[in-house]
């Protein structure tokens, strides 16, 4: 009986000490929930700070640089135009002469002189030269002046053409020679450089 009572007391004492031992053992270990939060804490901080850093970088670094670049480009373009002399102020002609020249360069007036038929020199009337030209000027009264003197200009042009021989017409650059001679005689008759260009639209030997 005494042994049984001692055994029962020992078991009871062991039961009381077991929870205390477990409690002491668990007290030395960190809580599982607390350890999990600490593991995720760097990631949470990164997710929070990354948008803030992106906003700050865009707002205070990228946008000022972009605005500065956009503001600098027009200045560079203006400087380039200024150095090349293509700015409106630099290109603006002086009153009078410059305006007239600029307007004339854009407003060409063309007057045709067609089907001028002449004998080729040295062929005894057996060969013919048929030529059509267009006279080009840049004055407002150019067309009226050409029509007013048309008969005289036609006579001068045909006289110049009839002086050409077959050899003259077959030389390289014959068209340029004819163009130059016609411009000289026509402008002499008109009293100045009225005819600026001459286009030979037809030149045929028959």
N, C-alpha and C. Protein backbone atom coordinates (compact mmCIF):
# COMPACT_ATOMS: atom_id res chain seq x y z
N UNK A 1 0.84 -1.21 0.00
CA UNK A 1 0.00 0.00 0.00
C UNK A 1 0.87 1.25 0.00
N UNK A 2 1.92 1.24 0.85
CA UNK A 2 2.79 2.41 0.92
C UNK A 2 3.48 2.63 -0.41
N UNK A 3 3.93 1.54 -1.09
CA UNK A 3 4.58 1.67 -2.39
C UNK A 3 3.64 2.22 -3.43
N UNK A 4 2.41 1.77 -3.38
CA UNK A 4 1.42 2.27 -4.35
C UNK A 4 1.19 3.74 -4.16
N UNK A 5 1.09 4.20 -2.94
CA UNK A 5 0.85 5.63 -2.67
C UNK A 5 2.03 6.46 -3.14
N UNK A 6 3.27 5.95 -2.95
CA UNK A 6 4.44 6.71 -3.40
C UNK A 6 4.48 6.80 -4.91
N UNK A 7 4.09 5.71 -5.57
CA UNK A 7 4.08 5.73 -7.04
C UNK A 7 3.07 6.71 -7.56
N UNK A 8 1.92 6.79 -6.95
CA UNK A 8 0.88 7.72 -7.39
C UNK A 8 1.35 9.15 -7.20
N UNK A 9 2.02 9.43 -6.12
CA UNK A 9 2.51 10.79 -5.89
C UNK A 9 3.59 11.18 -6.93
N UNK A 10 4.44 10.17 -7.27
CA UNK A 10 5.48 10.46 -8.27
C UNK A 10 4.89 10.79 -9.61
N UNK A 11 3.84 10.05 -10.01
CA UNK A 11 3.19 10.31 -11.32
C UNK A 11 2.54 11.67 -11.32
N UNK A 12 1.88 12.00 -10.21
CA UNK A 12 1.21 13.31 -10.13
C UNK A 12 2.23 14.42 -10.22
N UNK A 13 3.37 14.25 -9.54
CA UNK A 13 4.40 15.29 -9.56
C UNK A 13 4.98 15.45 -10.98
N UNK A 14 5.17 14.30 -11.64
CA UNK A 14 5.69 14.36 -13.02
C UNK A 14 4.72 15.07 -13.93
N UNK A 15 3.42 14.87 -13.72
CA UNK A 15 2.41 15.55 -14.55
C UNK A 15 2.43 17.04 -14.34
N UNK A 16 2.67 17.44 -13.07
CA UNK A 16 2.71 18.89 -12.83
C UNK A 16 3.97 19.52 -13.42
N UNK A 17 5.10 18.84 -13.38
CA UNK A 17 6.35 19.41 -13.86
C UNK A 17 6.43 19.46 -15.39
N UNK A 18 5.71 18.53 -16.08
CA UNK A 18 5.79 18.45 -17.56
C UNK A 18 5.33 19.72 -18.24
N UNK A 19 4.17 20.29 -17.86
CA UNK A 19 3.76 21.54 -18.53
C UNK A 19 4.73 22.65 -18.29
N UNK A 20 5.33 22.68 -17.02
CA UNK A 20 6.27 23.75 -16.75
C UNK A 20 7.51 23.62 -17.62
N UNK A 21 7.97 22.37 -17.84
CA UNK A 21 9.15 22.15 -18.70
C UNK A 21 8.87 22.55 -20.14
N UNK A 22 7.65 22.18 -20.59
CA UNK A 22 7.28 22.56 -21.97
C UNK A 22 7.20 24.06 -22.12
N UNK A 23 6.67 24.69 -21.06
CA UNK A 23 6.55 26.14 -21.13
C UNK A 23 7.90 26.79 -21.17
N UNK A 24 8.85 26.23 -20.30
CA UNK A 24 10.19 26.80 -20.32
C UNK A 24 10.87 26.60 -21.66
N UNK A 25 10.66 25.41 -22.26
CA UNK A 25 11.29 25.13 -23.55
C UNK A 25 10.74 26.03 -24.66
N UNK A 26 9.40 26.24 -24.67
CA UNK A 26 8.78 27.08 -25.69
C UNK A 26 9.10 28.55 -25.51
N UNK A 27 9.36 28.91 -24.22
CA UNK A 27 9.67 30.32 -23.97
C UNK A 27 10.96 30.73 -24.64
N UNK A 28 11.88 29.83 -24.84
CA UNK A 28 13.16 30.15 -25.48
C UNK A 28 13.07 30.27 -26.98
N UNK A 29 11.95 29.85 -27.59
CA UNK A 29 11.78 29.88 -29.05
C UNK A 29 10.94 31.08 -29.46
N UNK A 30 11.24 31.75 -30.58
CA UNK A 30 10.40 32.88 -31.05
C UNK A 30 9.08 32.37 -31.59
N UNK A 31 8.07 33.21 -31.49
CA UNK A 31 6.75 32.83 -31.99
C UNK A 31 6.78 32.70 -33.50
N UNK A 32 6.10 31.68 -34.01
CA UNK A 32 6.11 31.43 -35.45
C UNK A 32 5.53 32.60 -36.21
N UNK A 33 4.46 33.18 -35.69
CA UNK A 33 3.82 34.28 -36.42
C UNK A 33 4.74 35.48 -36.51
N UNK A 34 5.47 35.74 -35.42
CA UNK A 34 6.40 36.86 -35.43
C UNK A 34 7.53 36.65 -36.42
N UNK A 35 8.07 35.46 -36.53
CA UNK A 35 9.14 35.17 -37.48
C UNK A 35 8.69 35.33 -38.92
N UNK A 36 7.46 34.96 -39.26
CA UNK A 36 6.95 35.10 -40.62
C UNK A 36 6.83 36.55 -41.04
N UNK A 37 6.38 37.43 -40.18
CA UNK A 37 6.25 38.85 -40.50
C UNK A 37 7.60 39.49 -40.76
N UNK A 38 8.60 39.10 -39.93
CA UNK A 38 9.93 39.66 -40.14
C UNK A 38 10.52 39.23 -41.48
N UNK A 39 10.21 38.02 -41.92
CA UNK A 39 10.72 37.53 -43.21
C UNK A 39 10.14 38.32 -44.37
N UNK A 40 8.89 38.74 -44.29
CA UNK A 40 8.23 39.48 -45.37
C UNK A 40 8.46 40.99 -45.29
N UNK A 41 9.01 41.48 -44.19
CA UNK A 41 9.14 42.91 -43.97
C UNK A 41 9.98 43.62 -45.05
N UNK A 42 11.15 43.12 -45.48
CA UNK A 42 11.92 43.81 -46.56
C UNK A 42 11.15 43.93 -47.87
N UNK A 43 10.40 42.86 -48.21
CA UNK A 43 9.63 42.91 -49.45
C UNK A 43 8.54 43.96 -49.37
N UNK A 44 7.87 44.04 -48.21
CA UNK A 44 6.80 45.03 -48.04
C UNK A 44 7.37 46.44 -48.14
N UNK A 45 8.53 46.67 -47.51
CA UNK A 45 9.16 47.99 -47.57
C UNK A 45 9.54 48.35 -49.01
N UNK A 46 10.06 47.35 -49.75
CA UNK A 46 10.42 47.61 -51.15
C UNK A 46 9.21 47.98 -51.99
N UNK A 47 8.11 47.26 -51.78
CA UNK A 47 6.90 47.54 -52.56
C UNK A 47 6.35 48.93 -52.25
N UNK A 48 6.53 49.38 -51.02
CA UNK A 48 6.03 50.71 -50.65
C UNK A 48 6.95 51.81 -51.17
N UNK A 49 8.25 51.59 -51.07
CA UNK A 49 9.19 52.66 -51.43
C UNK A 49 9.44 52.79 -52.93
N UNK A 50 9.28 51.70 -53.70
CA UNK A 50 9.57 51.77 -55.14
C UNK A 50 8.68 52.77 -55.87
N UNK A 51 7.35 52.79 -55.70
CA UNK A 51 6.53 53.82 -56.37
C UNK A 51 6.92 55.23 -55.95
N UNK A 52 7.26 55.38 -54.66
CA UNK A 52 7.65 56.72 -54.18
C UNK A 52 8.93 57.18 -54.88
N UNK A 53 9.91 56.27 -54.96
CA UNK A 53 11.16 56.62 -55.63
C UNK A 53 10.95 56.89 -57.12
N UNK A 54 10.08 56.09 -57.75
CA UNK A 54 9.81 56.30 -59.18
C UNK A 54 9.16 57.66 -59.41
N UNK A 55 8.20 58.02 -58.56
CA UNK A 55 7.54 59.32 -58.69
C UNK A 55 8.52 60.46 -58.48
N UNK A 56 9.36 60.31 -57.44
CA UNK A 56 10.32 61.38 -57.16
C UNK A 56 11.33 61.53 -58.31
N UNK A 57 11.79 60.41 -58.87
CA UNK A 57 12.75 60.47 -59.97
C UNK A 57 12.13 61.14 -61.20
N UNK A 58 10.89 60.76 -61.50
CA UNK A 58 10.21 61.35 -62.66
C UNK A 58 9.95 62.83 -62.45
N UNK A 59 9.49 63.17 -61.26
CA UNK A 59 9.07 64.55 -61.00
C UNK A 59 10.25 65.51 -60.89
N UNK A 60 11.30 65.08 -60.23
CA UNK A 60 12.38 66.00 -59.92
C UNK A 60 13.63 65.82 -60.78
N UNK A 61 13.70 64.72 -61.58
CA UNK A 61 14.90 64.49 -62.40
C UNK A 61 14.56 64.47 -63.88
N UNK A 62 13.65 63.55 -64.27
CA UNK A 62 13.38 63.37 -65.70
C UNK A 62 12.63 64.56 -66.29
N UNK A 63 11.56 65.01 -65.60
CA UNK A 63 10.78 66.11 -66.14
C UNK A 63 11.59 67.40 -66.30
N UNK A 64 12.40 67.81 -65.32
CA UNK A 64 13.22 69.01 -65.54
C UNK A 64 14.17 68.88 -66.72
N UNK A 65 14.78 67.68 -66.89
CA UNK A 65 15.69 67.48 -68.03
C UNK A 65 14.94 67.59 -69.35
N UNK A 66 13.74 66.99 -69.41
CA UNK A 66 12.95 67.02 -70.64
C UNK A 66 12.53 68.45 -70.96
N UNK A 67 12.09 69.19 -69.96
CA UNK A 67 11.70 70.58 -70.19
C UNK A 67 12.89 71.42 -70.64
N UNK A 68 14.04 71.16 -70.05
CA UNK A 68 15.23 71.91 -70.44
C UNK A 68 15.62 71.61 -71.88
N UNK A 69 15.49 70.33 -72.27
CA UNK A 69 15.83 69.95 -73.65
C UNK A 69 14.89 70.59 -74.65
N UNK A 70 13.57 70.58 -74.34
CA UNK A 70 12.60 71.17 -75.24
C UNK A 70 12.80 72.68 -75.34
N UNK A 71 13.18 73.29 -74.24
CA UNK A 71 13.40 74.73 -74.27
C UNK A 71 14.68 75.08 -75.02
N UNK A 72 15.65 74.16 -75.03
CA UNK A 72 16.93 74.45 -75.68
C UNK A 72 16.87 74.27 -77.18
N UNK A 73 16.05 73.35 -77.69
CA UNK A 73 16.02 73.06 -79.13
C UNK A 73 15.62 74.25 -79.98
N UNK A 74 14.54 75.00 -79.63
CA UNK A 74 14.21 76.15 -80.47
C UNK A 74 15.34 77.16 -80.53
N UNK A 75 16.06 77.32 -79.45
CA UNK A 75 17.18 78.25 -79.45
C UNK A 75 18.28 77.80 -80.39
N UNK A 76 18.56 76.49 -80.40
CA UNK A 76 19.60 75.97 -81.28
C UNK A 76 19.18 76.11 -82.73
N UNK A 77 17.88 75.82 -83.00
CA UNK A 77 17.41 75.96 -84.38
C UNK A 77 17.51 77.40 -84.85
N UNK A 78 17.15 78.33 -83.94
CA UNK A 78 17.24 79.74 -84.32
C UNK A 78 18.68 80.15 -84.56
N UNK A 79 19.60 79.61 -83.72
CA UNK A 79 21.01 79.94 -83.92
C UNK A 79 21.52 79.40 -85.24
N UNK A 80 21.10 78.16 -85.59
CA UNK A 80 21.52 77.57 -86.86
C UNK A 80 21.00 78.38 -88.04
N UNK A 81 19.73 78.81 -87.94
CA UNK A 81 19.19 79.61 -89.02
C UNK A 81 19.91 80.94 -89.14
N UNK A 82 20.25 81.49 -87.97
CA UNK A 82 20.96 82.78 -87.99
C UNK A 82 22.32 82.66 -88.63
N UNK A 83 23.04 81.55 -88.35
CA UNK A 83 24.37 81.38 -88.92
C UNK A 83 24.32 81.13 -90.40
N UNK A 84 23.24 80.48 -90.88
CA UNK A 84 23.14 80.21 -92.31
C UNK A 84 22.50 81.35 -93.08
N UNK A 85 22.01 82.35 -92.36
CA UNK A 85 21.40 83.49 -93.03
C UNK A 85 20.01 83.21 -93.52
N UNK A 86 19.34 82.18 -92.94
CA UNK A 86 18.02 81.81 -93.42
C UNK A 86 16.91 82.30 -92.52
N UNK A 87 17.21 83.12 -91.52
CA UNK A 87 16.17 83.63 -90.65
C UNK A 87 15.33 84.63 -91.40
N UNK A 88 14.06 84.80 -91.01
CA UNK A 88 13.21 85.75 -91.72
C UNK A 88 13.80 87.15 -91.73
N UNK A 89 14.42 87.58 -90.59
CA UNK A 89 14.98 88.92 -90.56
C UNK A 89 16.15 89.04 -91.51
N UNK A 90 17.03 87.98 -91.53
CA UNK A 90 18.20 88.05 -92.40
C UNK A 90 17.81 87.92 -93.86
N UNK A 91 16.79 87.07 -94.12
CA UNK A 91 16.39 86.84 -95.50
C UNK A 91 15.49 87.95 -96.03
N UNK A 92 14.95 88.78 -95.14
CA UNK A 92 14.05 89.83 -95.59
C UNK A 92 14.80 90.82 -96.46
N UNK A 93 14.35 91.03 -97.68
CA UNK A 93 15.05 91.94 -98.57
C UNK A 93 14.84 93.38 -98.15
N UNK A 94 15.74 94.24 -98.56
CA UNK A 94 15.58 95.66 -98.30
C UNK A 94 14.42 96.19 -99.11
N UNK A 95 13.89 97.30 -98.66
CA UNK A 95 12.74 97.86 -99.35
C UNK A 95 13.14 98.26 -100.76
N UNK A 96 12.23 98.04 -101.69
CA UNK A 96 12.48 98.45 -103.07
C UNK A 96 13.11 97.35 -103.88
N UNK A 97 14.42 97.40 -104.02
CA UNK A 97 15.15 96.51 -104.92
C UNK A 97 15.02 95.05 -104.51
N UNK A 98 15.23 94.74 -103.23
CA UNK A 98 15.19 93.34 -102.79
C UNK A 98 13.82 92.73 -102.98
N UNK A 99 12.77 93.45 -102.66
CA UNK A 99 11.42 92.91 -102.80
C UNK A 99 11.10 92.64 -104.25
N UNK A 100 11.50 93.56 -105.09
CA UNK A 100 11.22 93.40 -106.52
C UNK A 100 11.93 92.17 -107.07
N UNK A 101 13.18 91.97 -106.67
CA UNK A 101 13.94 90.82 -107.18
C UNK A 101 13.33 89.52 -106.69
N UNK A 102 12.94 89.49 -105.38
CA UNK A 102 12.36 88.27 -104.84
C UNK A 102 11.05 87.93 -105.51
N UNK A 103 10.22 88.96 -105.73
CA UNK A 103 8.93 88.71 -106.37
C UNK A 103 9.11 88.27 -107.81
N UNK A 104 10.11 88.87 -108.50
CA UNK A 104 10.32 88.51 -109.89
C UNK A 104 10.82 87.10 -110.06
N UNK A 105 11.64 86.62 -109.10
CA UNK A 105 12.18 85.27 -109.21
C UNK A 105 11.07 84.24 -109.15
N UNK A 106 9.99 84.55 -108.49
CA UNK A 106 8.89 83.60 -108.35
C UNK A 106 7.85 83.77 -109.46
N UNK A 107 7.81 84.95 -110.08
CA UNK A 107 6.76 85.23 -111.05
C UNK A 107 7.36 85.34 -112.45
N UNK A 108 7.72 84.20 -113.02
CA UNK A 108 8.25 84.20 -114.38
C UNK A 108 7.10 84.35 -115.37
N UNK A 109 7.36 85.16 -116.39
CA UNK A 109 6.38 85.36 -117.46
C UNK A 109 6.97 84.77 -118.74
N UNK A 110 6.19 83.94 -119.41
CA UNK A 110 6.68 83.26 -120.61
C UNK A 110 5.85 83.66 -121.82
N UNK A 111 6.56 83.96 -122.91
CA UNK A 111 5.90 84.34 -124.17
C UNK A 111 6.51 83.50 -125.29
N UNK A 112 5.70 82.70 -125.99
CA UNK A 112 6.25 81.85 -127.06
C UNK A 112 6.42 82.61 -128.38
N UNK A 113 7.43 82.20 -129.11
CA UNK A 113 7.63 82.63 -130.50
C UNK A 113 7.80 81.34 -131.31
N UNK A 114 6.75 80.94 -132.00
CA UNK A 114 6.70 79.59 -132.57
C UNK A 114 6.86 79.61 -134.09
N UNK A 115 7.34 78.46 -134.57
CA UNK A 115 7.38 78.13 -136.00
C UNK A 115 8.11 79.19 -136.83
N UNK A 116 9.33 79.50 -136.43
CA UNK A 116 10.14 80.41 -137.25
C UNK A 116 10.89 79.57 -138.28
N UNK A 117 10.56 79.75 -139.54
CA UNK A 117 11.11 78.94 -140.62
C UNK A 117 12.07 79.80 -141.46
N UNK A 118 13.32 79.32 -141.59
CA UNK A 118 14.33 80.08 -142.35
C UNK A 118 15.13 79.10 -143.21
N UNK A 119 15.79 79.67 -144.25
CA UNK A 119 16.70 78.88 -145.07
C UNK A 119 18.01 78.70 -144.33
N UNK A 120 18.58 77.52 -144.45
CA UNK A 120 19.89 77.28 -143.85
C UNK A 120 20.94 77.88 -144.76
N UNK A 121 21.86 78.63 -144.18
CA UNK A 121 22.89 79.32 -144.99
C UNK A 121 23.78 78.30 -145.71
N UNK A 122 24.08 78.61 -146.99
CA UNK A 122 24.98 77.77 -147.77
C UNK A 122 24.31 76.59 -148.43
N UNK A 123 23.01 76.49 -148.40
CA UNK A 123 22.32 75.33 -149.00
C UNK A 123 21.55 75.72 -150.26
N UNK A 124 21.66 76.97 -150.70
CA UNK A 124 20.97 77.44 -151.91
C UNK A 124 19.46 77.23 -151.80
N UNK A 125 18.94 77.38 -150.60
CA UNK A 125 17.50 77.27 -150.41
C UNK A 125 16.96 75.86 -150.42
N UNK A 126 17.85 74.86 -150.36
CA UNK A 126 17.37 73.48 -150.39
C UNK A 126 17.13 72.90 -148.99
N UNK A 127 17.64 73.56 -147.96
CA UNK A 127 17.44 73.08 -146.59
C UNK A 127 16.81 74.19 -145.76
N UNK A 128 15.97 73.76 -144.82
CA UNK A 128 15.25 74.71 -143.99
C UNK A 128 15.48 74.40 -142.51
N UNK A 129 15.41 75.46 -141.72
CA UNK A 129 15.51 75.31 -140.26
C UNK A 129 14.23 75.86 -139.64
N UNK A 130 13.55 75.01 -138.90
CA UNK A 130 12.33 75.44 -138.22
C UNK A 130 12.61 75.47 -136.71
N UNK A 131 12.33 76.62 -136.10
CA UNK A 131 12.66 76.80 -134.68
C UNK A 131 11.49 77.43 -133.95
N UNK A 132 11.25 76.94 -132.72
CA UNK A 132 10.28 77.55 -131.82
C UNK A 132 10.99 77.83 -130.50
N UNK A 133 10.77 79.02 -129.95
CA UNK A 133 11.41 79.40 -128.69
C UNK A 133 10.36 80.00 -127.76
N UNK A 134 10.72 80.02 -126.48
CA UNK A 134 9.88 80.69 -125.47
C UNK A 134 10.76 81.70 -124.74
N UNK A 135 10.32 82.95 -124.74
CA UNK A 135 11.05 84.01 -124.07
C UNK A 135 10.55 84.12 -122.62
N UNK A 136 11.48 84.27 -121.68
CA UNK A 136 11.14 84.30 -120.26
C UNK A 136 11.64 85.60 -119.65
N UNK A 137 10.74 86.30 -118.94
CA UNK A 137 11.10 87.52 -118.23
C UNK A 137 10.48 87.53 -116.84
N UNK A 138 10.78 88.57 -116.07
CA UNK A 138 10.28 88.61 -114.70
C UNK A 138 9.71 89.97 -114.32
N UNK A 139 9.40 90.78 -115.32
CA UNK A 139 8.78 92.07 -115.04
C UNK A 139 7.29 92.01 -115.34
N UNK A 140 6.49 92.81 -114.64
CA UNK A 140 5.03 92.74 -114.85
C UNK A 140 4.61 93.06 -116.27
N UNK A 141 5.35 93.94 -116.95
CA UNK A 141 4.96 94.34 -118.30
C UNK A 141 5.71 93.56 -119.38
N UNK A 142 6.31 92.42 -119.00
CA UNK A 142 7.14 91.68 -119.95
C UNK A 142 6.33 91.22 -121.16
N UNK A 143 5.18 90.60 -120.90
CA UNK A 143 4.37 90.08 -122.01
C UNK A 143 3.91 91.21 -122.93
N UNK A 144 3.49 92.32 -122.35
CA UNK A 144 3.03 93.44 -123.18
C UNK A 144 4.17 94.00 -124.03
N UNK A 145 5.38 94.06 -123.45
CA UNK A 145 6.51 94.60 -124.20
C UNK A 145 6.90 93.68 -125.35
N UNK A 146 6.84 92.37 -125.13
CA UNK A 146 7.17 91.42 -126.20
C UNK A 146 6.15 91.51 -127.33
N UNK A 147 4.87 91.57 -126.97
CA UNK A 147 3.83 91.64 -128.01
C UNK A 147 3.90 92.97 -128.76
N UNK A 148 4.24 94.02 -128.08
CA UNK A 148 4.34 95.33 -128.72
C UNK A 148 5.45 95.36 -129.77
N UNK A 149 6.54 94.62 -129.51
CA UNK A 149 7.68 94.61 -130.43
C UNK A 149 7.83 93.26 -131.14
N UNK A 150 6.73 92.54 -131.26
CA UNK A 150 6.82 91.17 -131.78
C UNK A 150 7.39 91.11 -133.19
N UNK A 151 6.94 91.98 -134.09
CA UNK A 151 7.41 91.92 -135.47
C UNK A 151 8.92 92.17 -135.55
N UNK A 152 9.38 93.16 -134.82
CA UNK A 152 10.82 93.45 -134.83
C UNK A 152 11.61 92.29 -134.24
N UNK A 153 11.11 91.69 -133.15
CA UNK A 153 11.81 90.58 -132.52
C UNK A 153 11.83 89.36 -133.42
N UNK A 154 10.72 89.11 -134.14
CA UNK A 154 10.68 87.98 -135.07
C UNK A 154 11.68 88.19 -136.21
N UNK A 155 11.79 89.40 -136.69
CA UNK A 155 12.73 89.69 -137.78
C UNK A 155 14.16 89.47 -137.31
N UNK A 156 14.48 89.95 -136.11
CA UNK A 156 15.84 89.77 -135.59
C UNK A 156 16.15 88.30 -135.35
N UNK A 157 15.16 87.56 -134.83
CA UNK A 157 15.38 86.15 -134.53
C UNK A 157 15.60 85.35 -135.82
N UNK A 158 14.76 85.58 -136.83
CA UNK A 158 14.92 84.83 -138.09
C UNK A 158 16.22 85.20 -138.80
N UNK A 159 16.63 86.46 -138.68
CA UNK A 159 17.90 86.85 -139.30
C UNK A 159 19.07 86.13 -138.64
N UNK A 160 19.02 86.03 -137.33
CA UNK A 160 20.09 85.31 -136.62
C UNK A 160 20.11 83.84 -137.00
N UNK A 161 18.92 83.22 -137.09
CA UNK A 161 18.84 81.80 -137.41
C UNK A 161 19.27 81.52 -138.86
N UNK A 162 18.93 82.43 -139.77
CA UNK A 162 19.25 82.19 -141.20
C UNK A 162 20.74 82.32 -141.48
N UNK A 163 21.51 82.82 -140.51
CA UNK A 163 22.96 82.93 -140.72
C UNK A 163 23.69 81.63 -140.39
N UNK A 164 22.96 80.65 -139.91
CA UNK A 164 23.59 79.40 -139.49
C UNK A 164 23.71 78.43 -140.67
N UNK A 165 24.86 77.80 -140.76
CA UNK A 165 25.10 76.77 -141.78
C UNK A 165 24.82 75.39 -141.19
N UNK A 166 24.83 74.41 -142.05
CA UNK A 166 24.65 73.04 -141.58
C UNK A 166 25.75 72.67 -140.58
N UNK A 167 26.95 73.11 -140.87
CA UNK A 167 28.07 72.83 -139.97
C UNK A 167 27.85 73.47 -138.60
N UNK A 168 27.33 74.72 -138.60
CA UNK A 168 27.05 75.39 -137.33
C UNK A 168 26.01 74.64 -136.52
N UNK A 169 24.99 74.16 -137.20
CA UNK A 169 23.88 73.51 -136.51
C UNK A 169 24.25 72.11 -136.01
N UNK A 170 25.27 71.50 -136.61
CA UNK A 170 25.66 70.16 -136.21
C UNK A 170 26.76 70.14 -135.15
N UNK A 171 27.29 71.31 -134.79
CA UNK A 171 28.34 71.36 -133.78
C UNK A 171 27.77 71.05 -132.39
N UNK A 172 28.58 70.44 -131.53
CA UNK A 172 28.14 70.26 -130.15
C UNK A 172 27.92 71.62 -129.49
N UNK A 173 26.83 71.75 -128.76
CA UNK A 173 26.52 73.01 -128.10
C UNK A 173 25.91 74.04 -129.01
N UNK A 174 25.42 73.61 -130.18
CA UNK A 174 24.83 74.56 -131.14
C UNK A 174 23.61 75.25 -130.54
N UNK A 175 22.84 74.52 -129.75
CA UNK A 175 21.63 75.10 -129.15
C UNK A 175 22.00 76.23 -128.18
N UNK A 176 23.07 76.03 -127.42
CA UNK A 176 23.48 77.07 -126.48
C UNK A 176 23.97 78.32 -127.22
N UNK A 177 24.66 78.12 -128.33
CA UNK A 177 25.12 79.25 -129.12
C UNK A 177 23.93 80.04 -129.67
N UNK A 178 22.96 79.32 -130.21
CA UNK A 178 21.77 79.98 -130.76
C UNK A 178 21.03 80.73 -129.65
N UNK A 179 20.88 80.11 -128.49
CA UNK A 179 20.18 80.73 -127.37
C UNK A 179 20.88 82.03 -126.94
N UNK A 180 22.20 81.98 -126.85
CA UNK A 180 22.96 83.16 -126.44
C UNK A 180 22.85 84.29 -127.46
N UNK A 181 22.95 83.96 -128.74
CA UNK A 181 22.87 84.99 -129.78
C UNK A 181 21.48 85.61 -129.84
N UNK A 182 20.45 84.80 -129.70
CA UNK A 182 19.09 85.33 -129.71
C UNK A 182 18.85 86.27 -128.53
N UNK A 183 19.33 85.91 -127.35
CA UNK A 183 19.13 86.75 -126.18
C UNK A 183 19.83 88.10 -126.35
N UNK A 184 21.00 88.07 -126.98
CA UNK A 184 21.75 89.32 -127.17
C UNK A 184 21.03 90.27 -128.12
N UNK A 185 20.59 89.75 -129.26
CA UNK A 185 19.96 90.65 -130.24
C UNK A 185 18.58 91.11 -129.77
N UNK A 186 17.85 90.26 -129.08
CA UNK A 186 16.51 90.65 -128.62
C UNK A 186 16.61 91.69 -127.51
N UNK A 187 17.52 91.50 -126.57
CA UNK A 187 17.66 92.48 -125.49
C UNK A 187 18.20 93.82 -126.00
N UNK A 188 19.04 93.77 -127.04
CA UNK A 188 19.51 95.03 -127.64
C UNK A 188 18.33 95.80 -128.23
N UNK A 189 17.41 95.08 -128.85
CA UNK A 189 16.24 95.75 -129.43
C UNK A 189 15.30 96.27 -128.36
N UNK A 190 15.22 95.58 -127.22
CA UNK A 190 14.31 95.98 -126.14
C UNK A 190 14.93 97.03 -125.22
N UNK A 191 16.19 97.30 -125.39
CA UNK A 191 16.85 98.35 -124.62
C UNK A 191 17.32 97.93 -123.25
N UNK A 192 17.54 96.67 -123.02
CA UNK A 192 18.04 96.23 -121.72
C UNK A 192 17.83 94.73 -121.53
N UNK A 193 18.24 94.21 -120.37
CA UNK A 193 18.10 92.77 -120.12
C UNK A 193 16.66 92.37 -119.77
N UNK A 194 15.79 92.59 -120.72
CA UNK A 194 14.37 92.29 -120.50
C UNK A 194 14.15 90.78 -120.54
N UNK A 195 14.76 90.12 -121.54
CA UNK A 195 14.63 88.66 -121.67
C UNK A 195 15.68 88.02 -120.76
N UNK A 196 15.22 87.28 -119.76
CA UNK A 196 16.11 86.64 -118.80
C UNK A 196 16.56 85.25 -119.26
N UNK A 197 15.67 84.54 -119.93
CA UNK A 197 15.99 83.19 -120.40
C UNK A 197 15.30 82.95 -121.73
N UNK A 198 15.86 82.01 -122.49
CA UNK A 198 15.23 81.58 -123.74
C UNK A 198 15.22 80.06 -123.75
N UNK A 199 14.03 79.47 -123.90
CA UNK A 199 13.89 78.03 -124.02
C UNK A 199 13.69 77.69 -125.50
N UNK A 200 14.55 76.84 -126.03
CA UNK A 200 14.37 76.36 -127.40
C UNK A 200 13.50 75.10 -127.35
N UNK A 201 12.28 75.24 -127.77
CA UNK A 201 11.33 74.13 -127.69
C UNK A 201 11.29 73.29 -128.97
N UNK A 202 11.83 73.84 -130.05
CA UNK A 202 11.82 73.07 -131.32
C UNK A 202 12.99 73.56 -132.17
N UNK A 203 13.75 72.61 -132.72
CA UNK A 203 14.88 72.93 -133.60
C UNK A 203 15.03 71.77 -134.57
N UNK A 204 14.54 71.97 -135.79
CA UNK A 204 14.53 70.89 -136.77
C UNK A 204 15.06 71.37 -138.11
N UNK A 205 15.89 70.53 -138.73
CA UNK A 205 16.44 70.82 -140.06
C UNK A 205 15.71 69.97 -141.08
N UNK A 206 15.20 70.59 -142.11
CA UNK A 206 14.45 69.86 -143.13
C UNK A 206 15.13 69.98 -144.49
